[in-house]
């Protein structure tokens, strides 16, 4: 794809065709400039089959607003749309609509509120709120969902892997298995969600982190094919990278050849005043091999050399590895804590593809429209009350209990102040008879979660750094109940509606002939 084609494919036409045809319909009906509000939210946590998430991590916002700020309908885009024909050979898009698009076809009329990247988020809560002219807000839908859904998915997976690895160093190794340029978005999201570094050299540079990696099996294979030995390959690598020496030890035999040869090279480095970094295990029983490698390294005087694990890791595999090490290390005369604390996890395919659940069910729904300076709530009736979007202009609040732990996310109407209610009633979003009642003594803090990002097409928000997002994620995860953080069968975190929002939703459902 040449540069011009890429500008078209990744510009404002990075959208679905039906967004454009709906925009023309709104234009023809005189609705295109009516102010509308859309909510972006996801319906369910990722479900990986044998296990599922109990929370998600928000990500992708910066890339969305950067795209919104630079795209518009160019002359080339208008010419392309003018070439579209109906089945009868007529122009699909009329000239007057295309003239309007050319004059108004950017996102200068859009205001956007969102939960900051790095925050823990939950289903059916507004992650992103878009308000602006109906046609512009409609065209935005596809790109918004593309930018946000995938990065939330990968940041969530990275956070879970980070938790299962007990906070040990986590490397994102997925670029070769990623979905084309999704490797870049995935690397960014992984860094937000819990990865310390990525092997992706270009994206690491852009984000200000040094890329990390070891070496390939092919290096050792090349030396062997040329009549040399594994240790010759290791010595060559150590000569070129004496202070970055981490050796892949399983090309021939991990315990009989790889680790012993690595130790010899490490001893040579130490005599020259260098500190070896680690060994990498990429096949076999990684728990058993970690224990045995740690024993060999300890006996040689290298108790702090890292042991990097790779090969189809995810949160459950890492949990199984650490559990096995804790149970078996003593029988080999090794302290299990010493082994676990020196592990580094290089996670590739199952992180970058979110193996087990490869998409987030994020949606973008119209919730209100302004008619004659009066906002009218909008609703879509689904098969259940829980799947029916919450109508109207809303606020989202996080409620912390007397321990300082997050106990619920509360969705209210925009004009409500939950702190003014005593007691505070939290309605179950789907079941009429379920509710919670919190007395003031049970609440330590009520925090608003949505912040202004775009106002009338202008960025009004200081975009945080990756480090800032990581701090937000760590703080939010630490404030979750341990049951919500479980890898398997996590406890359900409460997402509730205020009484006023419940009543509005109930009224609209019944007005349209729906029921419980």
Protein backbone atom coordinates (compact mmCIF):
# COMPACT_ATOMS: atom_id res chain seq x y z
CA UNK A 1 0.00 0.00 0.00
CA UNK A 2 1.52 3.31 -1.07
CA UNK A 3 1.61 6.47 1.03
CA UNK A 4 -1.45 8.02 -0.61
CA UNK A 5 -3.52 4.86 -0.15
CA UNK A 6 -2.43 4.60 3.48
CA UNK A 7 -3.54 8.20 4.10
CA UNK A 8 -6.97 7.30 2.75
CA UNK A 9 -7.29 3.99 4.60
CA UNK A 10 -6.09 5.37 7.94
CA UNK A 11 -7.64 8.84 7.73
CA UNK A 12 -11.25 9.81 8.36
CA UNK A 13 -12.41 6.96 6.09
CA UNK A 14 -11.14 4.56 8.75
CA UNK A 15 -14.80 3.81 9.40
CA UNK A 16 -17.59 1.51 8.30
CA UNK A 17 -19.60 2.34 5.19
CA UNK A 18 -22.85 2.37 7.10
CA UNK A 19 -21.63 5.27 9.26
CA UNK A 20 -21.36 7.35 6.09
CA UNK A 21 -24.74 6.31 4.70
CA UNK A 22 -26.38 7.07 8.06
CA UNK A 23 -24.68 10.47 8.13
CA UNK A 24 -26.19 11.23 4.71
CA UNK A 25 -29.62 10.14 5.93
CA UNK A 26 -29.32 12.48 8.93
CA UNK A 27 -28.28 15.25 6.54
CA UNK A 28 -31.24 14.61 4.25
CA UNK A 29 -33.66 14.63 7.21
CA UNK A 30 -32.17 17.78 8.72
CA UNK A 31 -30.93 15.90 11.80
CA UNK A 32 -27.20 15.98 11.09
CA UNK A 33 -26.41 18.97 13.30
CA UNK A 34 -28.65 18.01 16.21
CA UNK A 35 -26.49 17.47 19.28
CA UNK A 36 -26.36 13.83 20.32
CA UNK A 37 -24.67 11.81 23.03
CA UNK A 38 -23.21 8.33 22.63
CA UNK A 39 -21.76 6.12 25.37
CA UNK A 40 -18.94 3.64 24.81
CA UNK A 41 -18.92 0.69 27.20
CA UNK A 42 -18.30 -3.06 27.19
CA UNK A 43 -20.87 -5.65 28.20
CA UNK A 44 -18.75 -8.41 29.75
CA UNK A 45 -15.25 -9.06 31.05
CA UNK A 46 -13.00 -11.23 28.85
CA UNK A 47 -13.78 -14.93 29.33
CA UNK A 48 -10.77 -17.13 28.57
CA UNK A 49 -12.60 -20.43 28.90
CA UNK A 50 -10.99 -22.04 31.93
CA UNK A 51 -10.84 -18.70 33.66
CA UNK A 52 -12.16 -15.17 33.34
CA UNK A 53 -11.30 -11.62 34.28
CA UNK A 54 -12.87 -9.82 37.23
CA UNK A 55 -11.83 -6.37 36.06
CA UNK A 56 -10.44 -4.59 32.99
CA UNK A 57 -7.83 -1.85 32.50
CA UNK A 58 -8.69 1.17 30.36
CA UNK A 59 -6.34 1.96 27.46
CA UNK A 60 -6.19 3.45 23.96
CA UNK A 61 -7.53 6.95 24.63
CA UNK A 62 -4.40 8.88 23.60
CA UNK A 63 -4.27 7.19 20.20
CA UNK A 64 -7.94 7.94 19.64
CA UNK A 65 -7.71 11.65 20.43
CA UNK A 66 -4.51 12.02 18.38
CA UNK A 67 -6.37 10.53 15.40
CA UNK A 68 -9.42 12.72 16.00
CA UNK A 69 -7.26 15.82 16.07
CA UNK A 70 -5.57 15.25 12.70
CA UNK A 71 -8.14 13.71 10.34
CA UNK A 72 -10.72 15.41 8.12
CA UNK A 73 -12.46 14.80 4.81
CA UNK A 74 -9.84 15.75 2.22
CA UNK A 75 -10.53 16.46 -1.42
CA UNK A 76 -9.26 12.95 -2.23
CA UNK A 77 -11.73 11.40 0.22
CA UNK A 78 -14.64 13.37 -1.24
CA UNK A 79 -13.65 12.30 -4.75
CA UNK A 80 -13.58 8.69 -3.64
CA UNK A 81 -17.05 8.97 -2.07
CA UNK A 82 -18.36 10.71 -5.18
CA UNK A 83 -17.37 7.63 -7.20
CA UNK A 84 -19.66 5.32 -5.17
CA UNK A 85 -22.65 4.12 -7.17
CA UNK A 86 -25.91 2.40 -6.30
CA UNK A 87 -26.99 -0.82 -7.99
CA UNK A 88 -28.79 1.25 -10.62
CA UNK A 89 -25.72 3.36 -11.38
CA UNK A 90 -26.80 6.49 -9.50
CA UNK A 91 -24.46 8.34 -7.16
CA UNK A 92 -24.72 6.89 -3.67
CA UNK A 93 -23.68 10.17 -2.04
CA UNK A 94 -25.30 13.40 -3.24
CA UNK A 95 -23.25 16.47 -4.07
CA UNK A 96 -24.85 18.66 -1.41
CA UNK A 97 -24.02 16.09 1.29
CA UNK A 98 -20.45 15.79 0.03
CA UNK A 99 -20.12 19.59 0.04
CA UNK A 100 -21.30 19.60 3.66
CA UNK A 101 -18.79 16.85 4.54
CA UNK A 102 -15.95 18.78 2.95
CA UNK A 103 -16.83 21.91 4.94
CA UNK A 104 -17.70 20.19 8.23
CA UNK A 105 -16.05 16.81 7.97
CA UNK A 106 -13.79 16.75 10.99
CA UNK A 107 -14.39 16.35 14.72
CA UNK A 108 -14.22 20.03 15.65
CA UNK A 109 -17.74 19.88 17.05
CA UNK A 110 -17.12 16.86 19.28
CA UNK A 111 -16.74 16.93 23.04
CA UNK A 112 -15.46 13.83 24.74
CA UNK A 113 -15.32 12.70 28.37
CA UNK A 114 -13.57 9.52 29.39
CA UNK A 115 -12.10 7.46 32.18
CA UNK A 116 -8.31 8.01 32.14
CA UNK A 117 -6.08 5.29 30.75
CA UNK A 118 -4.69 2.93 33.35
CA UNK A 119 -7.82 3.01 35.52
CA UNK A 120 -9.58 -0.22 36.40
CA UNK A 121 -12.98 -0.37 34.63
CA UNK A 122 -16.04 -2.61 34.70
CA UNK A 123 -18.88 -3.70 32.38
CA UNK A 124 -21.78 -1.45 31.40
CA UNK A 125 -20.16 1.69 32.78
CA UNK A 126 -19.46 4.59 30.38
CA UNK A 127 -15.74 4.47 29.55
CA UNK A 128 -16.08 7.17 26.91
CA UNK A 129 -18.88 9.70 26.44
CA UNK A 130 -19.14 11.45 23.06
CA UNK A 131 -21.30 14.54 22.54
CA UNK A 132 -21.62 16.57 19.36
CA UNK A 133 -23.43 16.90 16.01
CA UNK A 134 -25.21 13.64 15.25
CA UNK A 135 -23.52 13.00 11.90
CA UNK A 136 -20.00 13.63 13.23
CA UNK A 137 -20.60 11.53 16.35
CA UNK A 138 -21.95 8.72 14.18
CA UNK A 139 -18.92 8.70 11.86
CA UNK A 140 -16.64 8.51 14.91
CA UNK A 141 -18.08 5.21 16.16
CA UNK A 142 -16.00 2.69 14.23
CA UNK A 143 -12.61 4.29 14.84
CA UNK A 144 -13.38 4.86 18.53
CA UNK A 145 -14.24 1.21 19.05
CA UNK A 146 -11.21 0.09 17.06
CA UNK A 147 -8.76 2.24 19.02
CA UNK A 148 -10.19 1.53 22.46
CA UNK A 149 -11.52 -2.03 22.52
CA UNK A 150 -8.28 -3.76 21.53
CA UNK A 151 -6.03 -1.81 23.86
CA UNK A 152 -8.41 -2.39 26.80
CA UNK A 153 -8.32 -6.10 25.98
CA UNK A 154 -4.50 -6.31 25.92
CA UNK A 155 -3.97 -4.04 28.94
CA UNK A 156 -6.34 -6.30 30.89
CA UNK A 157 -4.48 -9.45 29.86
CA UNK A 158 -1.15 -7.87 30.82
CA UNK A 159 -2.50 -6.86 34.23
CA UNK A 160 -3.62 -10.42 34.93
CA UNK A 161 -0.26 -11.84 33.85
CA UNK A 162 1.46 -9.29 36.06
CA UNK A 163 -0.65 -10.40 39.02
CA UNK A 164 0.01 -14.10 38.45
CA UNK A 165 3.75 -13.43 38.16
CA UNK A 166 3.81 -11.88 41.64
CA UNK A 167 5.13 -8.60 40.28
CA UNK A 168 8.24 -10.09 38.69
CA UNK A 169 9.71 -8.50 35.56
CA UNK A 170 7.37 -8.96 32.60
CA UNK A 171 8.49 -8.61 28.98
CA UNK A 172 6.07 -8.32 26.03
CA UNK A 173 7.43 -10.63 23.32
CA UNK A 174 4.45 -10.86 20.95
CA UNK A 175 5.36 -8.81 17.91
CA UNK A 176 5.96 -11.76 15.56
CA UNK A 177 2.57 -13.29 16.40
CA UNK A 178 0.56 -10.07 16.47
CA UNK A 179 -2.08 -9.08 13.94
CA UNK A 180 0.05 -6.93 11.64
CA UNK A 181 0.37 -3.38 13.01
CA UNK A 182 -1.73 -4.32 15.97
CA UNK A 183 1.69 -5.21 17.39
CA UNK A 184 2.24 -1.51 18.10
CA UNK A 185 -1.09 -0.92 19.82
CA UNK A 186 -0.64 -4.20 21.70
CA UNK A 187 2.85 -3.28 22.92
CA UNK A 188 1.57 0.07 24.20
CA UNK A 189 -1.41 -1.49 25.94
CA UNK A 190 0.76 -4.20 27.49
CA UNK A 191 3.06 -1.55 28.96
CA UNK A 192 0.05 0.21 30.48
CA UNK A 193 -1.39 -3.02 31.82
CA UNK A 194 1.68 -4.49 33.46
CA UNK A 195 4.56 -5.27 31.11
CA UNK A 196 7.83 -3.61 32.12
CA UNK A 197 9.37 -3.68 28.65
CA UNK A 198 8.66 -4.86 25.10
CA UNK A 199 10.78 -6.50 22.43
CA UNK A 200 9.14 -4.17 19.87
CA UNK A 201 12.07 -1.86 19.08
CA UNK A 202 10.19 0.89 17.24
CA UNK A 203 7.28 1.23 19.67
CA UNK A 204 9.62 1.01 22.65
CA UNK A 205 11.57 3.95 21.21
CA UNK A 206 8.39 5.97 20.60
CA UNK A 207 7.18 5.37 24.16
CA UNK A 208 10.57 5.99 25.78
CA UNK A 209 11.41 2.50 27.02
CA UNK A 210 14.49 0.45 26.09
CA UNK A 211 13.52 -2.65 24.12
CA UNK A 212 14.49 -5.98 25.66
CA UNK A 213 15.44 -9.40 24.33
CA UNK A 214 18.08 -12.14 24.33
CA UNK A 215 19.18 -13.94 21.17
CA UNK A 216 17.71 -16.51 18.79
CA UNK A 217 18.28 -20.24 18.53
CA UNK A 218 19.54 -19.51 15.02
CA UNK A 219 22.68 -17.89 16.41
CA UNK A 220 23.73 -21.11 18.15
CA UNK A 221 22.59 -23.17 15.14
CA UNK A 222 24.75 -21.08 12.80
CA UNK A 223 27.85 -21.66 14.93
CA UNK A 224 27.14 -25.40 15.09
CA UNK A 225 26.58 -25.62 11.33
CA UNK A 226 29.95 -23.91 10.80
CA UNK A 227 31.77 -26.52 12.90
CA UNK A 228 31.94 -24.60 16.16
CA UNK A 229 30.33 -25.28 19.55
CA UNK A 230 27.53 -23.80 21.64
CA UNK A 231 30.05 -22.20 23.96
CA UNK A 232 31.67 -20.47 20.98
CA UNK A 233 28.31 -18.87 20.20
CA UNK A 234 27.86 -17.85 23.84
CA UNK A 235 31.38 -16.35 23.96
CA UNK A 236 30.73 -14.38 20.78
CA UNK A 237 27.54 -12.94 22.22
CA UNK A 238 29.31 -12.10 25.49
CA UNK A 239 32.16 -10.40 23.62
CA UNK A 240 29.74 -8.16 21.71
CA UNK A 241 27.35 -7.53 24.64
CA UNK A 242 29.39 -8.03 27.84
CA UNK A 243 27.01 -5.98 30.00
CA UNK A 244 23.78 -7.24 28.40
CA UNK A 245 24.60 -10.93 28.35
CA UNK A 246 21.50 -13.10 28.62
CA UNK A 247 21.91 -16.51 26.98
CA UNK A 248 19.29 -18.83 25.46
CA UNK A 249 20.33 -22.21 26.83
CA UNK A 250 17.98 -24.83 25.32
CA UNK A 251 19.23 -25.21 21.73
CA UNK A 252 21.04 -28.50 22.51
CA UNK A 253 20.35 -29.68 26.07
CA UNK A 254 19.43 -27.20 28.77
CA UNK A 255 20.97 -28.90 31.83
CA UNK A 256 23.76 -30.91 30.22
CA UNK A 257 25.04 -28.27 27.83
CA UNK A 258 23.27 -24.91 27.86
CA UNK A 259 23.45 -23.88 31.51
CA UNK A 260 26.97 -25.31 32.13
CA UNK A 261 28.29 -23.49 29.06
CA UNK A 262 26.51 -20.29 30.12
CA UNK A 263 28.15 -20.56 33.55
CA UNK A 264 31.60 -20.87 31.97
CA UNK A 265 30.99 -17.72 29.94
CA UNK A 266 29.58 -15.92 32.99
CA UNK A 267 32.73 -16.78 34.95
CA UNK A 268 34.84 -15.35 32.13
CA UNK A 269 32.72 -12.18 32.13
CA UNK A 270 33.01 -11.84 35.90
CA UNK A 271 36.79 -12.09 35.72
CA UNK A 272 36.71 -9.20 33.25
CA UNK A 273 34.61 -7.09 35.60
CA UNK A 274 31.22 -7.59 33.94
CA UNK A 275 27.98 -8.77 35.53
CA UNK A 276 26.03 -11.41 33.57
CA UNK A 277 22.31 -10.80 33.20
CA UNK A 278 20.59 -14.17 32.84
CA UNK A 279 19.70 -17.36 31.06
CA UNK A 280 16.56 -17.98 29.04
CA UNK A 281 14.48 -21.16 28.97
CA UNK A 282 12.17 -21.54 25.99
CA UNK A 283 11.10 -25.19 26.02
CA UNK A 284 10.49 -28.16 28.28
CA UNK A 285 9.16 -28.25 31.84
CA UNK A 286 9.89 -24.65 32.71
CA UNK A 287 9.26 -25.06 36.44
CA UNK A 288 11.59 -28.05 36.79
CA UNK A 289 14.23 -26.50 34.53
CA UNK A 290 14.07 -23.24 36.51
CA UNK A 291 14.78 -25.10 39.74
CA UNK A 292 17.67 -27.08 38.27
CA UNK A 293 19.13 -24.04 36.50
CA UNK A 294 18.91 -22.04 39.73
CA UNK A 295 20.76 -24.81 41.58
CA UNK A 296 23.57 -24.87 39.00
CA UNK A 297 23.85 -21.08 38.98
CA UNK A 298 23.80 -20.86 42.77
CA UNK A 299 26.53 -23.49 43.11
CA UNK A 300 28.66 -21.52 40.64
CA UNK A 301 28.25 -18.31 42.65
CA UNK A 302 25.54 -16.65 40.54
CA UNK A 303 22.52 -16.52 42.91
CA UNK A 304 21.18 -13.32 41.38
CA UNK A 305 21.34 -14.15 37.67
CA UNK A 306 17.86 -13.94 36.16
CA UNK A 307 16.04 -16.89 34.66
CA UNK A 308 13.91 -15.72 31.74
CA UNK A 309 10.98 -17.96 30.83
CA UNK A 310 9.19 -17.88 27.48
CA UNK A 311 7.11 -20.19 25.25
CA UNK A 312 3.31 -19.82 25.32
CA UNK A 313 3.05 -18.30 28.77
CA UNK A 314 -0.11 -16.74 30.16
CA UNK A 315 -1.48 -16.06 33.63
CA UNK A 316 -2.52 -19.67 34.34
CA UNK A 317 0.72 -21.18 33.05
CA UNK A 318 2.74 -18.75 35.18
CA UNK A 319 0.59 -19.55 38.21
CA UNK A 320 1.20 -23.28 37.63
CA UNK A 321 4.95 -22.73 37.26
CA UNK A 322 5.29 -20.78 40.50
CA UNK A 323 3.09 -23.28 42.34
CA UNK A 324 5.23 -26.18 41.12
CA UNK A 325 8.44 -24.38 42.09
CA UNK A 326 7.09 -23.69 45.57
CA UNK A 327 6.28 -27.39 46.00
CA UNK A 328 9.36 -28.98 44.42
CA UNK A 329 12.36 -26.70 44.91
CA UNK A 330 13.23 -27.96 48.39
CA UNK A 331 13.82 -31.52 47.19
CA UNK A 332 16.66 -30.19 45.01
CA UNK A 333 18.13 -28.16 47.84
CA UNK A 334 16.97 -24.83 46.45
CA UNK A 335 15.03 -22.09 48.22
CA UNK A 336 11.80 -21.68 46.20
CA UNK A 337 11.63 -17.97 46.99
CA UNK A 338 15.10 -17.53 45.50
CA UNK A 339 13.93 -19.17 42.27
CA UNK A 340 10.62 -17.32 41.99
CA UNK A 341 12.13 -13.91 42.75
CA UNK A 342 14.68 -14.21 39.95
CA UNK A 343 12.19 -15.26 37.27
CA UNK A 344 11.49 -12.97 34.33
CA UNK A 345 8.51 -13.71 32.09
CA UNK A 346 8.69 -13.18 28.34
CA UNK A 347 5.07 -13.44 27.23
CA UNK A 348 4.26 -13.37 23.54
CA UNK A 349 1.40 -14.96 21.61
CA UNK A 350 -1.09 -15.36 24.43
CA UNK A 351 -0.68 -11.75 25.51
CA UNK A 352 -0.65 -9.93 22.17
CA UNK A 353 -3.63 -11.95 20.86
CA UNK A 354 -5.49 -12.17 24.19
CA UNK A 355 -5.64 -15.92 23.70
CA UNK A 356 -8.91 -17.43 24.88
CA UNK A 357 -10.97 -14.31 24.24
CA UNK A 358 -9.66 -12.32 21.32
CA UNK A 359 -12.10 -9.41 21.32
CA UNK A 360 -13.75 -7.09 23.79
CA UNK A 361 -17.50 -6.63 23.45
CA UNK A 362 -17.27 -2.85 23.44
CA UNK A 363 -20.26 -1.01 21.99
CA UNK A 364 -21.23 2.59 21.17
CA UNK A 365 -24.85 3.48 21.84
CA UNK A 366 -26.96 6.60 21.42
CA UNK A 367 -28.25 7.60 24.86
CA UNK A 368 -29.58 11.14 24.36
CA UNK A 369 -30.39 13.71 21.69
CA UNK A 370 -31.02 17.45 21.95
CA UNK A 371 -34.30 18.64 20.49
CA UNK A 372 -35.20 22.36 20.77
CA UNK A 373 -32.68 22.86 23.59
CA UNK A 374 -34.12 19.97 25.58
CA UNK A 375 -32.17 16.76 26.01
CA UNK A 376 -34.27 13.68 25.34
CA UNK A 377 -33.00 10.33 26.66
CA UNK A 378 -32.70 7.57 24.06
CA UNK A 379 -32.90 3.85 24.68
CA UNK A 380 -32.55 0.59 22.77
CA UNK A 381 -34.56 -2.33 24.12
CA UNK A 382 -32.50 -5.53 24.35
CA UNK A 383 -33.53 -9.04 25.31
CA UNK A 384 -32.78 -8.30 28.97
CA UNK A 385 -32.78 -5.23 31.18
CA UNK A 386 -29.06 -5.73 31.89
CA UNK A 387 -28.21 -5.51 28.18
CA UNK A 388 -30.44 -2.49 27.63
CA UNK A 389 -28.15 0.59 27.62
CA UNK A 390 -28.59 3.13 30.38
CA UNK A 391 -30.24 6.24 28.89
CA UNK A 392 -29.51 9.92 29.32
CA UNK A 393 -26.60 12.07 30.37
CA UNK A 394 -24.84 10.36 33.25
CA UNK A 395 -21.95 10.44 35.70
CA UNK A 396 -19.87 7.55 36.95
CA UNK A 397 -18.63 7.32 40.53
CA UNK A 398 -16.40 4.88 42.39
CA UNK A 399 -17.39 4.21 45.98
CA UNK A 400 -14.77 3.15 48.52
CA UNK A 401 -15.75 1.36 51.71
CA UNK A 402 -14.50 2.03 55.22
CA UNK A 403 -11.31 0.05 54.46
CA UNK A 404 -10.54 2.25 51.44
CA UNK A 405 -11.33 -0.63 49.07
CA UNK A 406 -13.42 -0.09 45.94
CA UNK A 407 -16.82 -1.58 46.69
CA UNK A 408 -18.97 -0.42 43.75
CA UNK A 409 -19.14 1.74 40.63
CA UNK A 410 -22.32 3.80 40.65
CA UNK A 411 -23.92 5.24 37.49
CA UNK A 412 -26.12 8.26 38.17
CA UNK A 413 -27.87 10.95 36.20
CA UNK A 414 -25.55 13.90 35.50
CA UNK A 415 -27.23 16.23 37.97
CA UNK A 416 -27.03 13.81 40.90
CA UNK A 417 -24.58 14.02 43.80
CA UNK A 418 -24.38 10.63 45.51
CA UNK A 419 -22.70 12.20 48.55
CA UNK A 420 -25.97 14.04 49.22
CA UNK A 421 -27.87 10.79 49.76
CA UNK A 422 -28.00 9.25 53.22
CA UNK A 423 -28.28 6.34 53.09
CA UNK A 424 -27.03 5.77 49.53
CA UNK A 425 -29.18 3.32 47.58
CA UNK A 426 -27.43 1.23 44.91
CA UNK A 427 -29.82 -0.55 42.53
CA UNK A 428 -28.87 -3.77 40.79
CA UNK A 429 -28.83 -2.92 37.05
CA UNK A 430 -31.10 -5.81 36.06
CA UNK A 431 -33.02 -7.21 39.03
CA UNK A 432 -35.82 -5.18 40.56
CA UNK A 433 -35.59 -6.67 44.05
CA UNK A 434 -31.80 -6.45 44.49
CA UNK A 435 -30.31 -3.34 46.03
CA UNK A 436 -27.64 -2.25 48.48
CA UNK A 437 -27.88 0.42 51.11
CA UNK A 438 -24.73 2.17 52.30
CA UNK A 439 -24.66 4.36 55.39
CA UNK A 440 -22.20 7.28 55.53
CA UNK A 441 -20.00 5.39 58.01
CA UNK A 442 -19.58 2.62 55.41
CA UNK A 443 -18.19 5.03 52.78
CA UNK A 444 -14.70 6.51 53.00
CA UNK A 445 -14.71 8.25 49.60
CA UNK A 446 -16.81 8.80 46.48
CA UNK A 447 -14.71 9.52 43.39
CA UNK A 448 -15.92 10.80 40.00
CA UNK A 449 -14.27 8.81 37.21
CA UNK A 450 -15.02 10.70 33.97
CA UNK A 451 -12.79 13.64 32.95
CA UNK A 452 -13.09 16.16 30.11
CA UNK A 453 -10.76 15.23 27.24
CA UNK A 454 -12.08 17.08 24.17
CA UNK A 455 -14.27 20.19 24.28
CA UNK A 456 -15.59 21.32 20.88
CA UNK A 457 -12.78 19.49 19.11
CA UNK A 458 -9.96 20.88 21.26
CA UNK A 459 -7.85 18.79 23.60
CA UNK A 460 -8.29 20.10 27.15
CA UNK A 461 -6.66 17.21 28.99
CA UNK A 462 -3.02 16.66 29.89
CA UNK A 463 -2.40 13.20 28.48
CA UNK A 464 -0.60 11.11 31.12
CA UNK A 465 2.66 9.28 30.54
CA UNK A 466 2.85 5.50 30.51
CA UNK A 467 4.43 5.69 33.96
CA UNK A 468 1.46 7.74 35.19
CA UNK A 469 -0.95 5.17 33.76
CA UNK A 470 0.95 2.36 35.46
CA UNK A 471 0.67 4.12 38.81
CA UNK A 472 -3.08 4.49 38.30
CA UNK A 473 -3.39 0.81 37.43
CA UNK A 474 -1.37 -0.35 40.42
CA UNK A 475 -3.36 1.82 42.81
CA UNK A 476 -6.72 0.70 41.38
CA UNK A 477 -5.81 -3.00 41.39
CA UNK A 478 -4.53 -2.73 44.97
CA UNK A 479 -7.88 -1.24 46.00
CA UNK A 480 -9.83 -4.19 44.57
CA UNK A 481 -11.04 -6.93 46.88
CA UNK A 482 -8.79 -10.02 46.55
CA UNK A 483 -11.79 -12.01 45.37
CA UNK A 484 -12.22 -9.72 42.36
CA UNK A 485 -8.53 -10.19 41.50
CA UNK A 486 -8.74 -14.00 41.46
CA UNK A 487 -7.58 -15.66 38.25
CA UNK A 488 -10.34 -18.28 38.35
CA UNK A 489 -13.98 -17.62 39.22
CA UNK A 490 -13.44 -14.04 40.40
CA UNK A 491 -15.97 -12.41 42.69
CA UNK A 492 -18.41 -10.13 40.87
CA UNK A 493 -17.64 -6.43 41.35
CA UNK A 494 -20.77 -4.37 41.91
CA UNK A 495 -21.86 -1.98 39.16
CA UNK A 496 -25.03 -0.23 40.29
CA UNK A 497 -27.56 2.36 39.19
CA UNK A 498 -28.88 5.24 41.23
CA UNK A 499 -32.57 5.20 42.02
CA UNK A 500 -33.20 8.12 39.68
CA UNK A 501 -31.46 6.42 36.75
CA UNK A 502 -33.25 3.16 37.50
CA UNK A 503 -36.61 4.99 37.44
CA UNK A 504 -35.81 6.75 34.14
CA UNK A 505 -34.75 3.51 32.50
CA UNK A 506 -37.80 1.70 33.83
CA UNK A 507 -40.11 4.43 32.53
CA UNK A 508 -38.60 4.34 29.03
CA UNK A 509 -38.66 0.53 28.85
CA UNK A 510 -42.35 0.42 29.74
CA UNK A 511 -43.19 3.33 27.42
CA UNK A 512 -41.81 1.28 24.53
CA UNK A 513 -43.74 -1.81 25.58
CA UNK A 514 -40.84 -3.59 27.24
CA UNK A 515 -40.96 -5.39 30.55
CA UNK A 516 -38.74 -7.01 33.15
